Amino acid sequence: MNRKLIINCDDFGQSAAMNEAIMHLLEEGKVSSATIMAAAPGFTEAAAWSARRGQPNIGLHLTLTSEFEALPWGSLTGDISLQDESGRMHKTIREFEQKARTRAVAKELDAQYERVQKAGITISHIDNHMGSLYGIATGRSLLPLMFWKASRWKVPARFFRCIVPDDPLLSSLSGIERPVALAAALADALGVPIPDYLLSHSFGLQAGETYDSFKQSIIGKLYRLPSGVSEMYFHPGRENSWMLAHIPEWEKRVWEFRLLLDDDFAYAMQDAQVELVDYRYVQKKLRRPRIRSGIKLVRELAR
């Protein structure tokens, strides 16, 4: 079985607790990559570390929402449709989808990309904080805009072609097969490489969940991993007093950090014959022919 896995750390640059954990994991080679938040308070620290090391596997975590009361951030452009009266980005995906002007979103994405570039980081790929560009809350998807930016920036993007049947998030959404096929075809037509699968797990604690049960659930995914290139994303954080006081569901972030350093997890990767790869592999191996992909997209739209 040819099973390859990208392990990405989201929210790099969010806070000191997140930065410390992610930098440690990158230094130890325990993860494939991390995606940095250009608008978040911890960006300067994360960007300086990445640029100083010439870190080759830092992507851009396109950020259009600010969910934590104790850790607000605003848009880089300051557009009124992207933030509330206090100057912070909208707290929920629904608010963003309802209020954000598409042109303002495009300018904000450019501003975030340019800030990371100016910090001396060569971006390896892009993804999206909280899935705000996916149209999850109201159906207003800005995926075409995201793929267009990825095409201009010549980087891969986080998306997927197929849905793992037991995925707790994607398999629970009804009627998404056709939108996924259309989005994947659009990415191909624009020359944007994407992985085959995206694997999710619960962001917060589940009833009765322990570290051991969480670990076993993730290890189980390794043994059930389909052939092709899959991505798992985590939000690891190192435990500190500030995070415990201000970040909801902090336990899960600490667990994720612990898991990615756990010898049992490393053994399971080897035993399940899963190869750790990064988005450089996606860039080199998963690009589809654009003309053929464009024809496929037209056929999909005509169905």
Protein backbone atom coordinates (compact mmCIF):
# COMPACT_ATOMS: atom_id res chain seq x y z
CA MET A 1 0.00 0.00 0.00
CA ASN A 2 1.34 3.40 -0.99
CA ARG A 3 0.16 5.50 1.94
CA LYS A 4 1.60 8.95 2.49
CA LEU A 5 0.63 11.39 5.22
CA ILE A 6 1.02 15.12 5.72
CA ILE A 7 0.84 16.18 9.38
CA ASN A 8 0.29 19.94 9.52
CA CYS A 9 0.27 22.16 12.59
CA ASP A 10 -2.34 24.88 12.19
CA ASP A 11 -2.31 28.20 14.09
CA PHE A 12 1.44 28.87 14.06
CA GLY A 13 1.82 32.47 15.23
CA GLN A 14 -1.38 32.49 17.26
CA SER A 15 0.20 32.65 20.73
CA ALA A 16 3.39 31.84 22.63
CA ALA A 17 1.99 28.47 23.74
CA MET A 18 1.26 27.44 20.17
CA ASN A 19 4.56 28.77 18.86
CA GLU A 20 6.63 26.91 21.44
CA ALA A 21 4.93 23.59 20.70
CA ILE A 22 5.05 23.94 16.92
CA MET A 23 8.66 25.06 16.82
CA HIS A 24 9.62 22.05 18.94
CA LEU A 25 7.76 19.65 16.65
CA LEU A 26 9.33 21.15 13.54
CA GLU A 27 12.79 21.00 15.07
CA GLU A 28 12.31 17.33 15.96
CA GLY A 29 10.93 16.49 12.51
CA LYS A 30 7.76 15.05 14.03
CA VAL A 31 5.43 16.90 11.65
CA SER A 32 5.42 17.76 7.95
CA SER A 33 4.71 21.46 8.18
CA ALA A 34 3.01 24.33 9.97
CA THR A 35 0.80 27.12 8.65
CA ILE A 36 1.36 30.61 9.98
CA MET A 37 -1.27 33.25 10.87
CA ALA A 38 -0.15 36.60 9.49
CA ALA A 39 -2.78 38.57 11.42
CA ALA A 40 -2.35 36.93 14.84
CA PRO A 41 -0.47 38.36 17.86
CA GLY A 42 2.29 35.71 17.86
CA PHE A 43 3.17 36.16 14.19
CA THR A 44 6.37 38.18 14.70
CA GLU A 45 7.94 35.51 16.91
CA ALA A 46 6.92 32.63 14.62
CA ALA A 47 8.01 34.44 11.46
CA ALA A 48 11.39 35.47 12.84
CA TRP A 49 12.14 31.90 13.94
CA SER A 50 11.07 30.50 10.55
CA ALA A 51 13.09 33.02 8.55
CA ARG A 52 16.20 32.63 10.72
CA ARG A 53 16.18 28.87 10.15
CA GLY A 54 15.21 29.07 6.49
CA GLN A 55 12.38 26.70 7.42
CA PRO A 56 11.21 25.18 4.11
CA ASN A 57 7.83 23.84 5.25
CA ILE A 58 5.90 26.88 6.47
CA GLY A 59 2.57 27.51 4.79
CA LEU A 60 0.08 30.38 5.07
CA HIS A 61 -2.94 29.88 7.33
CA LEU A 62 -5.39 32.29 5.65
CA THR A 63 -7.10 33.88 8.64
CA LEU A 64 -10.46 35.67 8.44
CA THR A 65 -11.97 34.97 11.86
CA SER A 66 -10.88 35.63 15.46
CA GLU A 67 -12.58 33.17 17.77
CA PHE A 68 -11.03 33.71 21.23
CA GLU A 69 -12.25 36.47 23.54
CA ALA A 70 -8.85 36.77 25.23
CA LEU A 71 -6.86 36.75 21.99
CA PRO A 72 -8.45 39.12 19.46
CA TRP A 73 -6.85 40.23 16.21
CA GLY A 74 -7.97 42.47 13.37
CA SER A 75 -7.63 42.31 9.62
CA LEU A 76 -4.42 43.62 8.09
CA THR A 77 -6.34 45.82 5.66
CA GLY A 78 -8.78 47.19 8.24
CA ASP A 79 -11.76 46.78 5.91
CA ILE A 80 -15.01 47.34 7.81
CA SER A 81 -16.68 44.29 6.26
CA LEU A 82 -14.01 42.00 7.73
CA GLN A 83 -14.26 43.07 11.37
CA ASP A 84 -16.62 44.34 14.03
CA GLU A 85 -16.87 47.79 15.62
CA SER A 86 -13.98 47.05 17.99
CA GLY A 87 -11.64 46.29 15.10
CA ARG A 88 -11.40 42.52 15.59
CA MET A 89 -12.16 39.99 12.89
CA HIS A 90 -15.57 38.34 13.10
CA LYS A 91 -15.77 35.71 15.83
CA THR A 92 -17.74 33.12 13.85
CA ILE A 93 -17.69 31.73 10.33
CA ARG A 94 -21.35 32.66 9.93
CA GLU A 95 -20.67 36.34 10.65
CA PHE A 96 -17.78 36.33 8.21
CA GLU A 97 -19.77 34.68 5.42
CA GLN A 98 -22.67 37.07 5.91
CA LYS A 99 -20.72 40.33 6.17
CA ALA A 100 -17.43 40.06 4.30
CA ARG A 101 -17.22 41.63 0.85
CA THR A 102 -15.50 39.39 -1.68
CA ARG A 103 -13.22 42.16 -2.94
CA ALA A 104 -12.20 42.94 0.65
CA VAL A 105 -11.42 39.26 1.26
CA ALA A 106 -9.21 39.17 -1.85
CA LYS A 107 -7.25 42.21 -0.64
CA GLU A 108 -6.88 40.72 2.83
CA LEU A 109 -5.52 37.44 1.46
CA ASP A 110 -2.97 39.40 -0.57
CA ALA A 111 -1.99 41.44 2.50
CA GLN A 112 -1.44 38.30 4.56
CA TYR A 113 0.61 36.68 1.81
CA GLU A 114 2.73 39.81 1.40
CA ARG A 115 3.38 40.09 5.14
CA VAL A 116 4.71 36.53 5.27
CA GLN A 117 6.82 37.10 2.16
CA LYS A 118 8.30 40.30 3.60
CA ALA A 119 9.22 38.38 6.77
CA GLY A 120 11.56 36.26 4.66
CA ILE A 121 9.46 33.09 4.45
CA THR A 122 8.99 31.13 1.24
CA ILE A 123 5.47 29.76 1.55
CA SER A 124 5.11 26.02 0.95
CA HIS A 125 1.29 25.90 0.67
CA ILE A 126 -1.92 27.53 1.89
CA ASP A 127 -4.86 26.48 4.03
CA ASN A 128 -7.69 28.24 5.84
CA HIS A 129 -8.34 29.02 9.52
CA MET A 130 -11.67 27.57 10.74
CA GLY A 131 -12.68 26.74 7.16
CA SER A 132 -14.18 30.20 6.71
CA LEU A 133 -13.63 30.11 2.93
CA TYR A 134 -15.43 26.77 2.49
CA GLY A 135 -19.01 28.04 2.88
CA ILE A 136 -19.67 25.76 5.85
CA ALA A 137 -22.13 28.02 7.67
CA THR A 138 -24.26 29.61 4.95
CA GLY A 139 -23.11 27.95 1.74
CA ARG A 140 -21.24 31.04 0.54
CA SER A 141 -18.04 29.36 -0.61
CA LEU A 142 -14.96 31.40 -1.47
CA LEU A 143 -12.96 28.36 -2.53
CA PRO A 144 -12.65 29.68 -6.13
CA LEU A 145 -10.96 32.78 -4.72
CA MET A 146 -8.63 30.68 -2.56
CA PHE A 147 -7.65 28.49 -5.51
CA TRP A 148 -7.13 31.54 -7.73
CA LYS A 149 -4.75 33.02 -5.16
CA ALA A 150 -2.92 29.68 -4.83
CA SER A 151 -2.56 29.59 -8.62
CA ARG A 152 -1.10 33.11 -8.69
CA TRP A 153 1.24 32.32 -5.81
CA LYS A 154 2.19 28.97 -7.40
CA VAL A 155 1.60 26.93 -4.25
CA PRO A 156 -0.49 23.85 -3.37
CA ALA A 157 -3.63 24.21 -1.27
CA ARG A 158 -5.33 22.13 1.40
CA PHE A 159 -8.35 20.41 -0.05
CA PHE A 160 -9.28 16.84 -0.98
CA ARG A 161 -10.66 14.70 -3.79
CA CYS A 162 -12.27 11.91 -1.82
CA ILE A 163 -14.03 11.56 1.53
CA VAL A 164 -12.92 8.94 4.04
CA PRO A 165 -16.18 7.15 5.00
CA ASP A 166 -15.59 7.29 8.77
CA ASP A 167 -14.33 10.88 8.94
CA PRO A 168 -16.27 12.55 11.79
CA LEU A 169 -16.66 15.90 10.00
CA LEU A 170 -16.72 15.35 6.25
CA SER A 171 -18.73 12.13 6.25
CA SER A 172 -21.42 13.85 8.33
CA LEU A 173 -22.09 16.49 5.67
CA SER A 174 -24.75 15.36 3.25
CA GLY A 175 -24.65 16.08 -0.45
CA ILE A 176 -21.07 17.33 -0.59
CA GLU A 177 -19.77 14.85 -3.16
CA ARG A 178 -20.62 17.04 -6.18
CA PRO A 179 -19.34 20.32 -4.66
CA VAL A 180 -16.12 18.53 -3.70
CA ALA A 181 -15.73 17.15 -7.23
CA LEU A 182 -16.31 20.60 -8.73
CA ALA A 183 -13.86 22.26 -6.34
CA ALA A 184 -11.18 19.63 -7.00
CA ALA A 185 -11.69 20.00 -10.76
CA LEU A 186 -11.35 23.78 -10.43
CA ALA A 187 -8.11 23.41 -8.48
CA ASP A 188 -6.77 21.10 -11.20
CA ALA A 189 -7.79 23.47 -13.97
CA LEU A 190 -6.00 26.34 -12.21
CA GLY A 191 -2.87 24.23 -11.75
CA VAL A 192 -3.19 24.01 -7.96
CA PRO A 193 -2.06 20.63 -6.55
CA ILE A 194 -4.15 19.24 -3.67
CA PRO A 195 -3.96 16.08 -1.52
CA ASP A 196 -6.27 13.12 -2.05
CA TYR A 197 -7.83 13.02 1.42
CA LEU A 198 -8.33 15.29 4.44
CA LEU A 199 -8.75 13.63 7.84
CA SER A 200 -10.37 15.49 10.72
CA HIS A 201 -10.95 14.87 14.41
CA SER A 202 -12.86 16.73 17.08
CA PHE A 203 -11.33 20.09 18.02
CA GLY A 204 -12.76 19.94 21.54
CA LEU A 205 -13.02 17.32 24.22
CA GLN A 206 -15.65 14.64 23.74
CA ALA A 207 -17.71 13.15 26.57
CA GLY A 208 -15.59 10.66 28.48
CA GLU A 209 -12.55 11.25 26.29
CA THR A 210 -9.09 10.71 27.81
CA TYR A 211 -5.62 11.16 26.39
CA ASP A 212 -5.34 7.39 25.89
CA SER A 213 -8.66 7.12 24.05
CA PHE A 214 -7.74 10.11 21.89
CA LYS A 215 -4.36 8.58 21.10
CA GLN A 216 -5.90 5.27 20.12
CA SER A 217 -8.44 6.97 17.85
CA ILE A 218 -5.69 8.79 15.94
CA ILE A 219 -3.47 5.71 15.77
CA GLY A 220 -6.46 3.79 14.41
CA LYS A 221 -6.66 6.30 11.56
CA LEU A 222 -3.06 5.46 10.62
CA TYR A 223 -3.91 1.80 10.13
CA ARG A 224 -7.03 2.66 8.10
CA LEU A 225 -5.31 5.27 5.97
CA PRO A 226 -6.24 4.91 2.28
CA SER A 227 -3.71 4.71 -0.52
CA GLY A 228 -2.59 8.09 -1.78
CA VAL A 229 -1.73 11.33 0.01
CA SER A 230 -3.76 12.25 3.09
CA GLU A 231 -3.48 15.22 5.41
CA MET A 232 -4.13 15.35 9.15
CA TYR A 233 -4.11 18.75 10.84
CA PHE A 234 -3.46 19.42 14.51
CA HIS A 235 -3.47 22.43 16.83
CA PRO A 236 -0.70 21.59 19.31
CA GLY A 237 0.10 23.86 22.24
CA ARG A 238 2.51 23.68 25.15
CA GLU A 239 0.78 23.92 28.52
CA ASN A 240 1.28 27.23 30.30
CA SER A 241 -0.71 29.32 32.76
CA TRP A 242 -1.91 31.82 30.16
CA MET A 243 -3.35 29.16 27.86
CA LEU A 244 -5.04 27.36 30.74
CA ALA A 245 -6.70 30.61 31.79
CA HIS A 246 -7.76 31.93 28.40
CA ILE A 247 -8.06 29.25 25.72
CA PRO A 248 -11.16 27.01 25.72
CA GLU A 249 -10.49 23.31 25.13
CA TRP A 250 -6.81 23.84 26.00
CA GLU A 251 -6.53 20.20 27.10
CA LYS A 252 -6.94 18.96 23.53
CA ARG A 253 -4.14 21.20 22.31
CA VAL A 254 -1.83 19.87 25.01
CA TRP A 255 -2.87 16.31 24.13
CA GLU A 256 -2.09 16.89 20.46
CA PHE A 257 1.39 18.15 21.32
CA ARG A 258 1.94 15.12 23.55
CA LEU A 259 0.62 12.72 20.90
CA LEU A 260 2.96 13.94 18.17
CA LEU A 261 5.92 13.30 20.49
CA ASP A 262 4.58 9.96 21.72
CA ASP A 263 6.72 6.91 20.90
CA ASP A 264 3.52 4.88 20.36
CA PHE A 265 2.49 7.24 17.58
CA ALA A 266 5.93 7.03 15.95
CA TYR A 267 5.85 3.23 16.16
CA ALA A 268 2.36 3.12 14.62
CA MET A 269 3.54 5.24 11.67
CA GLN A 270 6.27 2.68 10.99
CA ASP A 271 4.15 -0.38 11.69
CA ALA A 272 1.30 0.83 9.46
CA GLN A 273 3.87 1.64 6.75
CA VAL A 274 2.81 5.27 6.51
CA GLU A 275 5.35 7.64 4.99
CA LEU A 276 5.51 11.19 6.30
CA VAL A 277 5.65 13.69 3.42
CA ASP A 278 5.12 17.42 3.08
CA TYR A 279 3.61 19.79 0.54
CA ARG A 280 6.77 19.73 -1.55
CA TYR A 281 5.71 16.19 -2.47
CA VAL A 282 2.23 17.47 -3.38
CA GLN A 283 3.80 20.20 -5.51
CA LYS A 284 6.00 17.75 -7.40
CA LYS A 285 3.72 14.71 -7.72
CA LEU A 286 0.06 15.70 -7.59
CA ARG A 287 -0.31 18.40 -10.22
CA ARG A 288 -2.89 17.44 -12.89
CA PRO A 289 -2.74 18.46 -16.59
CA ARG A 290 -4.54 21.80 -16.81
CA ILE A 291 -6.18 21.42 -20.25
CA ARG A 292 -7.56 17.98 -19.49
CA SER A 293 -8.67 19.22 -16.07
CA GLY A 294 -10.41 22.21 -17.65
CA ILE A 295 -12.37 19.89 -19.93
CA LYS A 296 -13.32 17.78 -16.92
CA LEU A 297 -14.50 20.89 -15.05
CA VAL A 298 -16.71 21.95 -17.99
CA ARG A 299 -18.23 18.45 -18.07
CA GLU A 300 -18.86 18.56 -14.32
CA LEU A 301 -20.57 21.95 -14.64
CA ALA A 302 -22.70 20.69 -17.53
CA ARG A 303 -24.04 17.71 -15.57
